[in-house]
Amino acid sequence: MFRFGHYEVLETSDGSPLELGRGAMGITYKALDTALQRCVALKVINPDNLAGEAARQRFLREARAAAQLKHPNVASIFHLGEDGGTHFYAMEFIDGETLESLPRLPGRESCSCLTPASPSETRTGSRPRKEHQPGTGASSARRG
């Protein structure tokens, strides 16, 4: 079992880490916040691709920028931390379907309904739902 601070990464039935998404910046896992006894999405910097200082700074900027967004359709950031030289941040886990699992509209890609946020939308937090990783947007109602 992987552990980052007081977060335990959950495992699948075969014992592998329960991965929610993966990208150039990091890997997002479903984890348990052992202090508060709740599930979180835990994004961990990708050690294979991002070992340098510039990458670490980008990861920290990403977490801090995401923490500034306040909107019902944006997952909240709970914690930014480091454990044994590995940087991570914990965010709200929202259970739901992936965008890839939703039916595609004729002539459109599955995610074409989401548009990139403009600088003004990013400042105001009024951008479309941004979930744990591309393609993992929750389509079900928020659970509290």
N, C-alpha and C. Protein backbone atom coordinates (compact mmCIF):
# COMPACT_ATOMS: atom_id res chain seq x y z
N MET A 1 0.84 -1.18 0.00
CA MET A 1 0.00 0.00 0.00
C MET A 1 0.89 1.25 0.00
N PHE A 2 0.55 2.19 -0.89
CA PHE A 2 1.25 3.47 -0.96
C PHE A 2 0.69 4.40 0.10
N ARG A 3 1.55 5.24 0.63
CA ARG A 3 1.12 6.21 1.63
C ARG A 3 1.88 7.51 1.38
N PHE A 4 1.14 8.61 1.40
CA PHE A 4 1.72 9.94 1.27
C PHE A 4 1.16 10.75 2.43
N GLY A 5 2.02 11.05 3.40
CA GLY A 5 1.54 11.73 4.59
C GLY A 5 0.45 10.89 5.25
N HIS A 6 -0.68 11.51 5.55
CA HIS A 6 -1.78 10.76 6.18
C HIS A 6 -2.81 10.27 5.16
N TYR A 7 -2.38 10.10 3.91
CA TYR A 7 -3.25 9.59 2.85
C TYR A 7 -2.78 8.20 2.44
N GLU A 8 -3.71 7.25 2.44
CA GLU A 8 -3.42 5.89 2.00
C GLU A 8 -4.07 5.69 0.64
N VAL A 9 -3.27 5.34 -0.36
CA VAL A 9 -3.80 5.08 -1.69
C VAL A 9 -4.57 3.76 -1.64
N LEU A 10 -5.81 3.79 -2.11
CA LEU A 10 -6.63 2.59 -2.13
C LEU A 10 -6.16 1.65 -3.23
N GLU A 11 -6.52 0.38 -3.10
CA GLU A 11 -6.07 -0.62 -4.06
C GLU A 11 -7.25 -1.27 -4.76
N THR A 12 -6.99 -1.77 -5.97
CA THR A 12 -7.99 -2.54 -6.71
C THR A 12 -8.01 -3.95 -6.14
N SER A 13 -8.89 -4.79 -6.66
CA SER A 13 -9.01 -6.16 -6.16
C SER A 13 -7.73 -6.97 -6.39
N ASP A 14 -6.91 -6.59 -7.37
CA ASP A 14 -5.66 -7.31 -7.61
C ASP A 14 -4.47 -6.72 -6.84
N GLY A 15 -4.73 -5.72 -6.00
CA GLY A 15 -3.68 -5.15 -5.17
C GLY A 15 -2.93 -3.98 -5.78
N SER A 16 -3.27 -3.59 -7.01
CA SER A 16 -2.59 -2.45 -7.62
C SER A 16 -3.24 -1.15 -7.16
N PRO A 17 -2.50 -0.03 -7.19
CA PRO A 17 -3.07 1.25 -6.74
C PRO A 17 -4.28 1.64 -7.59
N LEU A 18 -5.30 2.20 -6.96
CA LEU A 18 -6.53 2.61 -7.65
C LEU A 18 -6.28 3.95 -8.32
N GLU A 19 -5.93 3.89 -9.59
CA GLU A 19 -5.57 5.06 -10.38
C GLU A 19 -6.82 5.67 -11.01
N LEU A 20 -7.00 6.98 -10.83
CA LEU A 20 -8.13 7.70 -11.43
C LEU A 20 -7.75 8.33 -12.76
N GLY A 21 -6.49 8.71 -12.92
CA GLY A 21 -6.05 9.35 -14.14
C GLY A 21 -4.55 9.52 -14.15
N ARG A 22 -4.04 9.82 -15.34
CA ARG A 22 -2.60 9.96 -15.50
C ARG A 22 -2.35 10.98 -16.59
N GLY A 23 -1.37 11.83 -16.36
CA GLY A 23 -0.99 12.83 -17.34
C GLY A 23 0.48 13.14 -17.23
N ALA A 24 0.93 14.14 -17.99
CA ALA A 24 2.34 14.50 -17.98
C ALA A 24 2.78 15.03 -16.62
N MET A 25 1.88 15.74 -15.93
CA MET A 25 2.23 16.37 -14.66
C MET A 25 2.21 15.38 -13.50
N GLY A 26 1.30 14.42 -13.52
CA GLY A 26 1.22 13.53 -12.38
C GLY A 26 0.23 12.40 -12.57
N ILE A 27 0.09 11.63 -11.51
CA ILE A 27 -0.84 10.50 -11.47
C ILE A 27 -1.82 10.78 -10.34
N THR A 28 -3.11 10.56 -10.61
CA THR A 28 -4.13 10.81 -9.60
C THR A 28 -4.70 9.47 -9.14
N TYR A 29 -4.70 9.28 -7.83
CA TYR A 29 -5.19 8.05 -7.21
C TYR A 29 -6.41 8.35 -6.34
N LYS A 30 -7.22 7.34 -6.11
CA LYS A 30 -8.25 7.43 -5.08
C LYS A 30 -7.57 7.01 -3.79
N ALA A 31 -7.75 7.84 -2.75
CA ALA A 31 -7.05 7.59 -1.49
C ALA A 31 -7.97 7.86 -0.31
N LEU A 32 -7.55 7.40 0.84
CA LEU A 32 -8.27 7.63 2.09
C LEU A 32 -7.49 8.63 2.92
N ASP A 33 -8.15 9.69 3.32
CA ASP A 33 -7.58 10.64 4.27
C ASP A 33 -7.78 9.99 5.64
N THR A 34 -6.71 9.46 6.22
CA THR A 34 -6.84 8.71 7.46
C THR A 34 -7.18 9.59 8.66
N ALA A 35 -6.87 10.88 8.57
CA ALA A 35 -7.19 11.80 9.67
C ALA A 35 -8.69 12.10 9.71
N LEU A 36 -9.28 12.34 8.53
CA LEU A 36 -10.70 12.72 8.48
C LEU A 36 -11.61 11.57 8.05
N GLN A 37 -11.01 10.44 7.71
CA GLN A 37 -11.77 9.25 7.31
C GLN A 37 -12.71 9.53 6.14
N ARG A 38 -12.15 10.11 5.07
CA ARG A 38 -12.93 10.35 3.86
C ARG A 38 -12.06 10.10 2.64
N CYS A 39 -12.73 9.76 1.53
CA CYS A 39 -12.02 9.53 0.28
C CYS A 39 -11.65 10.86 -0.36
N VAL A 40 -10.48 10.87 -0.97
CA VAL A 40 -9.99 12.04 -1.69
C VAL A 40 -9.39 11.56 -3.01
N ALA A 41 -9.20 12.49 -3.92
CA ALA A 41 -8.40 12.25 -5.11
C ALA A 41 -7.02 12.82 -4.78
N LEU A 42 -6.00 12.01 -4.92
CA LEU A 42 -4.64 12.41 -4.54
C LEU A 42 -3.78 12.47 -5.78
N LYS A 43 -3.37 13.68 -6.16
CA LYS A 43 -2.51 13.85 -7.33
C LYS A 43 -1.07 13.90 -6.87
N VAL A 44 -0.26 13.01 -7.44
CA VAL A 44 1.14 12.86 -7.06
C VAL A 44 1.99 13.21 -8.27
N ILE A 45 3.01 14.03 -8.05
CA ILE A 45 3.88 14.41 -9.16
C ILE A 45 4.47 13.15 -9.79
N ASN A 46 4.53 13.12 -11.10
CA ASN A 46 5.03 11.97 -11.83
C ASN A 46 6.55 11.93 -11.75
N PRO A 47 7.13 10.99 -11.00
CA PRO A 47 8.58 10.98 -10.81
C PRO A 47 9.34 10.61 -12.08
N ASP A 48 8.71 9.88 -13.01
CA ASP A 48 9.40 9.47 -14.24
C ASP A 48 9.66 10.64 -15.17
N ASN A 49 8.69 11.54 -15.29
CA ASN A 49 8.80 12.63 -16.25
C ASN A 49 9.18 13.97 -15.64
N LEU A 50 8.96 14.13 -14.34
CA LEU A 50 9.09 15.46 -13.75
C LEU A 50 9.98 15.48 -12.51
N ALA A 51 11.22 15.13 -12.70
CA ALA A 51 12.10 15.07 -11.54
C ALA A 51 12.81 16.39 -11.25
N GLY A 52 12.79 17.34 -12.19
CA GLY A 52 13.56 18.57 -12.02
C GLY A 52 12.84 19.64 -11.22
N GLU A 53 13.59 20.66 -10.88
CA GLU A 53 13.06 21.78 -10.09
C GLU A 53 11.98 22.55 -10.85
N ALA A 54 12.16 22.75 -12.14
CA ALA A 54 11.15 23.47 -12.94
C ALA A 54 9.82 22.72 -12.93
N ALA A 55 9.88 21.41 -13.05
CA ALA A 55 8.65 20.60 -13.03
C ALA A 55 7.99 20.67 -11.66
N ARG A 56 8.80 20.61 -10.62
CA ARG A 56 8.25 20.71 -9.25
C ARG A 56 7.55 22.04 -9.07
N GLN A 57 8.14 23.11 -9.54
CA GLN A 57 7.53 24.44 -9.43
C GLN A 57 6.21 24.52 -10.21
N ARG A 58 6.17 23.92 -11.41
CA ARG A 58 4.93 23.88 -12.20
C ARG A 58 3.83 23.13 -11.45
N PHE A 59 4.19 22.01 -10.85
CA PHE A 59 3.22 21.21 -10.08
C PHE A 59 2.67 22.02 -8.91
N LEU A 60 3.55 22.72 -8.18
CA LEU A 60 3.11 23.54 -7.05
C LEU A 60 2.22 24.70 -7.51
N ARG A 61 2.57 25.33 -8.65
CA ARG A 61 1.73 26.40 -9.20
C ARG A 61 0.35 25.87 -9.59
N GLU A 62 0.33 24.67 -10.18
CA GLU A 62 -0.95 24.06 -10.56
C GLU A 62 -1.84 23.86 -9.33
N ALA A 63 -1.28 23.32 -8.27
CA ALA A 63 -2.04 23.07 -7.05
C ALA A 63 -2.54 24.37 -6.43
N ARG A 64 -1.67 25.36 -6.38
CA ARG A 64 -2.06 26.64 -5.78
C ARG A 64 -3.11 27.37 -6.62
N ALA A 65 -2.98 27.30 -7.94
CA ALA A 65 -3.98 27.92 -8.81
C ALA A 65 -5.33 27.21 -8.67
N ALA A 66 -5.32 25.89 -8.63
CA ALA A 66 -6.57 25.13 -8.48
C ALA A 66 -7.22 25.44 -7.13
N ALA A 67 -6.41 25.66 -6.11
CA ALA A 67 -6.94 25.97 -4.78
C ALA A 67 -7.65 27.31 -4.73
N GLN A 68 -7.34 28.20 -5.66
CA GLN A 68 -7.98 29.52 -5.70
C GLN A 68 -9.37 29.48 -6.33
N LEU A 69 -9.67 28.42 -7.07
CA LEU A 69 -10.97 28.32 -7.73
C LEU A 69 -12.04 27.92 -6.73
N LYS A 70 -13.12 28.67 -6.71
CA LYS A 70 -14.25 28.38 -5.82
C LYS A 70 -15.51 28.33 -6.69
N HIS A 71 -15.99 27.14 -6.95
CA HIS A 71 -17.17 26.97 -7.80
C HIS A 71 -17.76 25.60 -7.52
N PRO A 72 -19.08 25.48 -7.52
CA PRO A 72 -19.69 24.18 -7.23
C PRO A 72 -19.30 23.08 -8.22
N ASN A 73 -18.83 23.45 -9.41
CA ASN A 73 -18.47 22.45 -10.40
C ASN A 73 -16.97 22.23 -10.53
N VAL A 74 -16.22 22.67 -9.53
CA VAL A 74 -14.77 22.48 -9.50
C VAL A 74 -14.41 21.77 -8.21
N ALA A 75 -13.64 20.69 -8.32
CA ALA A 75 -13.22 19.94 -7.13
C ALA A 75 -12.33 20.83 -6.26
N SER A 76 -12.62 20.86 -4.97
CA SER A 76 -11.86 21.68 -4.01
C SER A 76 -10.54 21.01 -3.66
N ILE A 77 -9.50 21.83 -3.49
CA ILE A 77 -8.19 21.35 -3.05
C ILE A 77 -8.18 21.40 -1.52
N PHE A 78 -7.77 20.29 -0.90
CA PHE A 78 -7.76 20.21 0.56
C PHE A 78 -6.36 20.41 1.16
N HIS A 79 -5.34 19.92 0.47
CA HIS A 79 -4.03 19.86 1.10
C HIS A 79 -2.94 19.78 0.04
N LEU A 80 -1.84 20.47 0.26
CA LEU A 80 -0.65 20.39 -0.58
C LEU A 80 0.46 19.90 0.32
N GLY A 81 1.16 18.86 -0.09
CA GLY A 81 2.19 18.33 0.80
C GLY A 81 3.34 17.67 0.07
N GLU A 82 4.27 17.17 0.87
CA GLU A 82 5.46 16.50 0.37
C GLU A 82 5.78 15.38 1.35
N ASP A 83 6.15 14.24 0.80
CA ASP A 83 6.49 13.08 1.64
C ASP A 83 7.69 12.38 1.01
N GLY A 84 8.81 12.39 1.70
CA GLY A 84 10.00 11.73 1.19
C GLY A 84 10.48 12.29 -0.15
N GLY A 85 10.28 13.58 -0.37
CA GLY A 85 10.70 14.21 -1.61
C GLY A 85 9.67 14.15 -2.73
N THR A 86 8.54 13.50 -2.48
CA THR A 86 7.47 13.41 -3.48
C THR A 86 6.37 14.39 -3.14
N HIS A 87 6.05 15.26 -4.09
CA HIS A 87 5.02 16.27 -3.88
C HIS A 87 3.67 15.73 -4.32
N PHE A 88 2.63 16.15 -3.60
CA PHE A 88 1.27 15.69 -3.88
C PHE A 88 0.28 16.74 -3.42
N TYR A 89 -0.95 16.64 -3.94
CA TYR A 89 -2.03 17.41 -3.34
C TYR A 89 -3.30 16.59 -3.33
N ALA A 90 -4.09 16.83 -2.28
CA ALA A 90 -5.34 16.11 -2.09
C ALA A 90 -6.48 17.03 -2.47
N MET A 91 -7.44 16.47 -3.19
CA MET A 91 -8.61 17.24 -3.60
C MET A 91 -9.86 16.41 -3.38
N GLU A 92 -10.96 17.09 -3.46
CA GLU A 92 -12.27 16.48 -3.31
C GLU A 92 -12.43 15.34 -4.31
N PHE A 93 -12.88 14.19 -3.82
CA PHE A 93 -13.19 13.07 -4.70
C PHE A 93 -14.68 13.15 -5.03
N ILE A 94 -14.97 13.21 -6.31
CA ILE A 94 -16.36 13.26 -6.77
C ILE A 94 -16.62 12.00 -7.58
N ASP A 95 -17.49 11.17 -7.06
CA ASP A 95 -17.80 9.90 -7.72
C ASP A 95 -18.72 10.16 -8.90
N GLY A 96 -18.48 9.50 -10.00
CA GLY A 96 -19.32 9.64 -11.18
C GLY A 96 -18.72 8.93 -12.36
N GLU A 97 -19.33 9.13 -13.50
CA GLU A 97 -18.86 8.51 -14.72
C GLU A 97 -17.73 9.32 -15.34
N THR A 98 -16.90 8.67 -16.13
CA THR A 98 -15.88 9.40 -16.88
C THR A 98 -16.54 10.01 -18.11
N LEU A 99 -15.93 11.05 -18.63
CA LEU A 99 -16.46 11.67 -19.85
C LEU A 99 -16.43 10.68 -21.01
N GLU A 100 -15.42 9.80 -21.03
CA GLU A 100 -15.35 8.81 -22.11
C GLU A 100 -16.51 7.82 -22.08
N SER A 101 -17.11 7.61 -20.90
CA SER A 101 -18.20 6.64 -20.81
C SER A 101 -19.54 7.21 -21.29
N LEU A 102 -19.62 8.52 -21.48
CA LEU A 102 -20.86 9.14 -21.94
C LEU A 102 -21.00 8.99 -23.45
N PRO A 103 -22.23 8.90 -23.95
CA PRO A 103 -22.41 8.76 -25.40
C PRO A 103 -21.85 9.96 -26.15
N ARG A 104 -21.28 9.69 -27.29
CA ARG A 104 -20.75 10.77 -28.14
C ARG A 104 -21.86 11.33 -29.00
N LEU A 105 -21.83 12.63 -29.17
CA LEU A 105 -22.77 13.28 -30.07
C LEU A 105 -22.29 13.08 -31.50
N PRO A 106 -23.20 12.89 -32.45
CA PRO A 106 -22.77 12.70 -33.84
C PRO A 106 -21.92 13.87 -34.31
N GLY A 107 -20.77 13.56 -34.89
CA GLY A 107 -19.89 14.59 -35.44
C GLY A 107 -19.07 15.34 -34.43
N ARG A 108 -19.11 14.94 -33.16
CA ARG A 108 -18.34 15.64 -32.13
C ARG A 108 -17.50 14.65 -31.34
N GLU A 109 -16.41 15.16 -30.81
CA GLU A 109 -15.61 14.36 -29.90
C GLU A 109 -16.31 14.33 -28.55
N SER A 110 -15.99 13.36 -27.71
CA SER A 110 -16.68 13.19 -26.44
C SER A 110 -16.53 14.39 -25.51
N CYS A 111 -15.44 15.13 -25.59
CA CYS A 111 -15.20 16.24 -24.66
C CYS A 111 -15.35 17.60 -25.33
N SER A 112 -15.89 17.66 -26.53
CA SER A 112 -15.93 18.93 -27.24
C SER A 112 -16.88 19.93 -26.62
N CYS A 113 -17.75 19.48 -25.70
CA CYS A 113 -18.66 20.43 -25.05
C CYS A 113 -17.94 21.28 -24.01
N LEU A 114 -16.74 20.88 -23.60
CA LEU A 114 -15.97 21.65 -22.64
C LEU A 114 -15.00 22.54 -23.39
N THR A 115 -15.00 23.80 -23.07
CA THR A 115 -14.10 24.73 -23.72
C THR A 115 -13.06 25.19 -22.73
N PRO A 116 -11.86 25.53 -23.22
CA PRO A 116 -10.83 26.02 -22.30
C PRO A 116 -11.29 27.31 -21.63
N ALA A 117 -10.88 27.50 -20.41
CA ALA A 117 -11.25 28.70 -19.68
C ALA A 117 -10.45 29.89 -20.18
N SER A 118 -11.11 31.02 -20.27
CA SER A 118 -10.41 32.25 -20.60
C SER A 118 -9.74 32.76 -19.32
N PRO A 119 -8.78 33.68 -19.45
CA PRO A 119 -8.15 34.22 -18.24
C PRO A 119 -9.17 34.81 -17.26
N SER A 120 -10.23 35.46 -17.76
CA SER A 120 -11.22 36.04 -16.85
C SER A 120 -12.02 34.95 -16.14
N GLU A 121 -12.31 33.84 -16.82
CA GLU A 121 -13.03 32.74 -16.17
C GLU A 121 -12.18 32.09 -15.10
N THR A 122 -10.89 31.98 -15.36
CA THR A 122 -9.99 31.39 -14.37
C THR A 122 -9.94 32.26 -13.12
N ARG A 123 -9.89 33.58 -13.30
CA ARG A 123 -9.83 34.48 -12.14
C ARG A 123 -11.13 34.41 -11.33
N THR A 124 -12.27 34.30 -12.01
CA THR A 124 -13.55 34.32 -11.30
C THR A 124 -13.99 32.94 -10.86
N GLY A 125 -13.34 31.90 -11.38
CA GLY A 125 -13.74 30.55 -11.01
C GLY A 125 -14.99 30.09 -11.73
N SER A 126 -15.39 30.75 -12.83
CA SER A 126 -16.62 30.38 -13.51
C SER A 126 -16.34 29.57 -14.77
N ARG A 127 -15.51 28.58 -14.66
CA ARG A 127 -15.20 27.75 -15.82
C ARG A 127 -15.93 26.42 -15.72
N PRO A 128 -16.01 25.67 -16.81
CA PRO A 128 -16.68 24.36 -16.76
C PRO A 128 -15.98 23.42 -15.79
N ARG A 129 -16.69 22.38 -15.38
CA ARG A 129 -16.17 21.41 -14.41
C ARG A 129 -14.81 20.90 -14.82
N LYS A 130 -13.84 21.04 -13.92
CA LYS A 130 -12.52 20.47 -14.13
C LYS A 130 -12.33 19.43 -13.04
N GLU A 131 -12.23 18.20 -13.41
CA GLU A 131 -12.11 17.14 -12.43
C GLU A 131 -10.67 16.72 -12.21
N HIS A 132 -10.52 15.54 -11.70
CA HIS A 132 -9.23 15.03 -11.28
C HIS A 132 -8.22 14.92 -12.42
N GLN A 133 -8.66 14.54 -13.59
CA GLN A 133 -7.82 14.44 -14.77
C GLN A 133 -8.72 14.59 -15.98
N PRO A 134 -8.18 14.91 -17.15
CA PRO A 134 -9.02 14.96 -18.35
C PRO A 134 -9.73 13.63 -18.54
N GLY A 135 -11.03 13.71 -18.82
CA GLY A 135 -11.81 12.52 -19.07
C GLY A 135 -12.43 11.91 -17.84
N THR A 136 -12.21 12.50 -16.66
CA THR A 136 -12.79 11.91 -15.46
C THR A 136 -13.79 12.84 -14.80
N GLY A 137 -14.45 13.66 -15.56
CA GLY A 137 -15.46 14.56 -15.02
C GLY A 137 -16.63 13.77 -14.48
N ALA A 138 -17.10 14.14 -13.34
CA ALA A 138 -18.24 13.46 -12.73
C ALA A 138 -19.52 13.96 -13.35
N SER A 139 -20.36 13.05 -13.81
CA SER A 139 -21.62 13.48 -14.41
C SER A 139 -22.76 13.27 -13.45
N SER A 140 -22.52 12.65 -12.31
CA SER A 140 -23.58 12.46 -11.34
C SER A 140 -23.60 13.64 -10.37
N ALA A 141 -24.65 13.71 -9.56
CA ALA A 141 -24.78 14.79 -8.59
C ALA A 141 -23.65 14.72 -7.56
N ARG A 142 -23.27 15.86 -7.04
CA ARG A 142 -22.26 15.91 -6.00
C ARG A 142 -22.74 15.16 -4.78
N ARG A 143 -21.80 14.51 -4.14
CA ARG A 143 -22.13 13.82 -2.90
C ARG A 143 -21.38 14.51 -1.78
N GLY A 144 -22.04 14.79 -0.68
CA GLY A 144 -21.39 15.54 0.39
C GLY A 144 -21.19 14.79 1.57
